[in-house]
Amino acid sequence: MDPSRIKEKIGRFRILVIGRANAGKTTILQRVCNTRENPGIYNSAGKKIDPKVLMASTERGEHDIENEMVFENNPGFVFHDSRGFEAGGESEFDKMKAFIASRSKETKLKDQLHAIWYCIPMDEASRSFTEGEIKFFSQCDTGSNSTILSCSDGIVHKV
């Protein structure tokens, strides 16, 4: 199939980003999208969420994996952020599994999940895998999605 037709069908490339807190997820996404700005956050209906409201809900421990993160300068990517499994244990893992399953059943290609990006910090304090990470790789059915594993040593390299 012609690449321009694929882009037309997909619209935007949809990626689920998973990783521990401070694993470097936002930094990696900023590098991929060639920006230093934070992404805009949109609810599942496409309405932009006020950053103040988002910050307040994050402080209360609330999080919605359905929210879309889009960098203004690179709208061809849509990122979904799954809180680290250490944040909520079993319930966060179950939400992430349900999200992957529901996105894999979407009939429109533009609504499907196209990749899963798992970020793992590799600094000395975080070098070993957590139970949640082992569980993801051994028990989570990612469907037809490609899973990208990315390790960060905590050092920001100039690209």
Protein backbone atom coordinates (compact mmCIF):
# COMPACT_ATOMS: atom_id res chain seq x y z
CA MET A 1 0.00 0.00 0.00
CA ASP A 2 1.16 3.52 -0.79
CA PRO A 3 2.59 5.25 2.36
CA SER A 4 0.48 8.37 1.75
CA ARG A 5 -2.69 6.22 1.78
CA ILE A 6 -1.60 4.61 5.05
CA LYS A 7 -1.08 8.04 6.62
CA GLU A 8 -4.48 9.10 5.31
CA LYS A 9 -6.14 6.05 6.92
CA ILE A 10 -4.30 6.31 10.24
CA GLY A 11 -4.36 10.09 10.55
CA ARG A 12 -2.14 10.19 13.61
CA PHE A 13 0.16 7.50 15.00
CA ARG A 14 -1.22 6.43 18.41
CA ILE A 15 1.26 5.24 21.07
CA LEU A 16 0.73 4.03 24.64
CA VAL A 17 3.66 5.10 26.81
CA ILE A 18 4.33 3.02 29.91
CA GLY A 19 6.98 3.38 32.59
CA ARG A 20 7.78 4.19 36.16
CA ALA A 21 7.59 7.71 37.49
CA ASN A 22 10.77 9.58 36.50
CA ALA A 23 11.65 6.99 33.85
CA GLY A 24 12.23 9.80 31.34
CA LYS A 25 8.99 9.32 29.38
CA THR A 26 8.25 13.00 28.81
CA THR A 27 11.89 13.76 27.95
CA ILE A 28 11.97 10.98 25.35
CA LEU A 29 8.67 12.14 23.84
CA GLN A 30 9.94 15.72 23.68
CA ARG A 31 13.04 14.49 21.85
CA VAL A 32 10.98 12.43 19.39
CA CYS A 33 8.75 15.43 18.71
CA ASN A 34 11.69 17.87 18.63
CA THR A 35 10.38 20.21 21.31
CA ARG A 36 10.97 21.34 24.87
CA GLU A 37 7.33 22.24 25.39
CA ASN A 38 4.89 20.09 27.34
CA PRO A 39 2.15 18.42 25.33
CA GLY A 40 -1.44 19.56 25.23
CA ILE A 41 -3.77 17.12 27.00
CA TYR A 42 -7.15 16.30 25.47
CA ASN A 43 -10.00 14.18 26.78
CA SER A 44 -11.44 11.29 24.76
CA ALA A 45 -13.92 13.69 23.12
CA GLY A 46 -11.03 15.83 21.83
CA LYS A 47 -11.59 18.75 24.21
CA LYS A 48 -8.45 20.36 25.61
CA ILE A 49 -8.09 19.93 29.36
CA ASP A 50 -7.11 22.96 31.42
CA PRO A 51 -3.60 22.31 32.84
CA LYS A 52 -4.74 23.59 36.27
CA VAL A 53 -7.51 21.00 36.41
CA LEU A 54 -5.11 18.32 35.22
CA MET A 55 -2.51 19.23 37.86
CA ALA A 56 -5.11 19.12 40.63
CA SER A 57 -6.33 15.66 39.56
CA THR A 58 -2.75 14.38 39.29
CA GLU A 59 -2.04 15.60 42.83
CA ARG A 60 -5.10 13.63 44.03
CA GLY A 61 -3.73 10.53 42.28
CA GLU A 62 -6.32 10.54 39.51
CA HIS A 63 -5.29 9.72 35.99
CA ASP A 64 -7.09 8.84 32.76
CA ILE A 65 -5.25 6.65 30.27
CA GLU A 66 -7.84 7.67 27.65
CA ASN A 67 -6.53 11.26 27.66
CA GLU A 68 -4.47 12.12 24.61
CA MET A 69 -1.15 13.96 24.78
CA VAL A 70 -0.30 15.88 21.61
CA PHE A 71 2.72 18.11 21.04
CA GLU A 72 1.67 21.26 19.20
CA ASN A 73 4.62 21.20 16.83
CA ASN A 74 4.14 17.51 15.96
CA PRO A 75 0.42 16.64 15.87
CA GLY A 76 1.06 13.45 13.87
CA PHE A 77 1.60 11.56 17.12
CA VAL A 78 -0.96 10.90 19.87
CA PHE A 79 0.44 9.58 23.14
CA HIS A 80 -1.48 7.91 25.95
CA ASP A 81 0.22 7.80 29.34
CA SER A 82 -0.23 4.83 31.62
CA ARG A 83 0.73 5.65 35.17
CA GLY A 84 3.50 3.47 36.48
CA PHE A 85 2.26 0.27 38.03
CA GLU A 86 3.84 1.30 41.31
CA ALA A 87 1.31 4.16 41.42
CA GLY A 88 -1.75 1.98 41.82
CA GLY A 89 -0.64 -1.61 41.76
CA GLU A 90 -3.14 -4.12 40.42
CA SER A 91 -5.82 -1.59 39.44
CA GLU A 92 -3.42 0.41 37.25
CA PHE A 93 -2.24 -2.79 35.56
CA ASP A 94 -5.85 -3.84 34.92
CA LYS A 95 -6.73 -0.39 33.48
CA MET A 96 -3.76 -0.60 31.13
CA LYS A 97 -4.72 -4.12 29.98
CA ALA A 98 -8.33 -3.04 29.39
CA PHE A 99 -7.14 0.00 27.42
CA ILE A 100 -4.96 -2.16 25.16
CA ALA A 101 -7.79 -4.67 24.67
CA SER A 102 -10.39 -2.00 23.86
CA ARG A 103 -8.09 -0.18 21.42
CA SER A 104 -7.26 -3.46 19.65
CA LYS A 105 -11.01 -3.99 19.04
CA GLU A 106 -11.53 -0.55 17.45
CA THR A 107 -12.77 -0.90 13.88
CA LYS A 108 -11.23 2.34 12.62
CA LEU A 109 -7.46 2.24 12.16
CA LYS A 110 -7.14 5.81 13.43
CA ASP A 111 -8.61 4.78 16.80
CA GLN A 112 -6.45 1.69 17.25
CA LEU A 113 -3.25 1.62 19.26
CA HIS A 114 -0.30 1.44 16.86
CA ALA A 115 2.57 0.87 19.29
CA ILE A 116 3.41 0.48 22.97
CA TRP A 117 6.52 2.21 24.23
CA TYR A 118 7.81 0.87 27.54
CA CYS A 119 10.40 3.14 29.21
CA ILE A 120 12.61 1.67 31.92
CA PRO A 121 15.16 3.77 33.84
CA MET A 122 18.61 2.24 34.02
CA ASP A 123 20.25 4.40 36.65
CA GLU A 124 21.89 2.52 39.52
CA ALA A 125 18.91 2.85 41.88
CA SER A 126 16.40 1.54 39.31
CA ARG A 127 18.43 -1.08 37.50
CA SER A 128 16.35 -4.15 38.45
CA PHE A 129 12.93 -4.84 36.95
CA THR A 130 9.90 -4.28 39.18
CA GLU A 131 7.18 -6.89 39.66
CA GLY A 132 4.88 -4.78 37.47
CA GLU A 133 7.38 -4.72 34.62
CA ILE A 134 7.91 -8.47 34.80
CA LYS A 135 4.13 -8.95 34.89
CA PHE A 136 3.65 -6.74 31.82
CA PHE A 137 6.14 -8.68 29.71
CA SER A 138 4.99 -12.09 30.89
CA GLN A 139 1.20 -11.67 31.21
CA CYS A 140 -0.02 -8.75 29.12
CA ASP A 141 -1.42 -9.57 25.69
CA THR A 142 -0.46 -6.58 23.54
CA GLY A 143 -2.46 -7.88 20.59
CA SER A 144 -0.97 -6.93 17.25
CA ASN A 145 0.81 -3.90 18.72
CA SER A 146 4.56 -3.58 18.52
CA THR A 147 6.19 -3.05 21.88
CA ILE A 148 9.23 -0.80 21.94
CA LEU A 149 11.51 -1.14 24.97
CA SER A 150 13.53 1.94 25.81
CA CYS A 151 16.08 2.25 28.58
CA SER A 152 17.32 5.51 30.02
CA ASP A 153 20.46 5.92 32.08
CA GLY A 154 19.27 9.16 33.61
CA ILE A 155 21.74 11.19 31.56
CA VAL A 156 20.27 13.53 28.99
CA HIS A 157 22.28 13.31 25.78
CA LYS A 158 22.18 16.05 23.19
CA VAL A 159 20.68 14.78 19.96
